[in-house]
């Protein structure tokens, strides 16, 4: 009770990370493997590392869910963020996954961070190339964590249509308008 189920794949990822062995069969798991390794090194033990990893995943899940719901629109307030936290934590699968060192939880946190930074990118006119760089790194981390990380490709076309709060228009209008200008 109160613990998590550790499968053979999770133990294998811990073993690969701690022994620093290259394995071509887990190339899509390296972000997860080395996140577990970093947590284990910081805590000084494997069990402590798994606990730190699970705590960090749980905390980041709550924080990033709140941030995304709170800042999705200008009208969103504190209750919007709290309701979002309640909704995501009411899903039994999410709570079960957060309790253990699953590859899915690593990907979940990376996707939540990607969405939160994308919301910042869409709303902040001053955010520039550095934010796009971070989003690119998160995208690579997502696809190096699990194949499902490729689902973030759906968000990428939104980078070209960035409506900024204080701008004259978005990039798609400006680009399409330039094709119809006469010389």
Foldseek 3Di string as FASTA:
>chain_A
DLAADDDPVNVVLQVCLCVVDDDPVQQLAVLLSVQLNVLCVVQVHSVSSFVVQLVVLVVLLLVLQLLCQQLLDPPRDNVSSVVSSVVQVVPVVSVNVSRGSDLVSVLVSLVSVLSSLVSVQLEDPPDDDVSVVVNVVSLVNNRSSDVCSCVCVVCVVVVQFRDYPPDPHGNVVVVVVVVPDDD
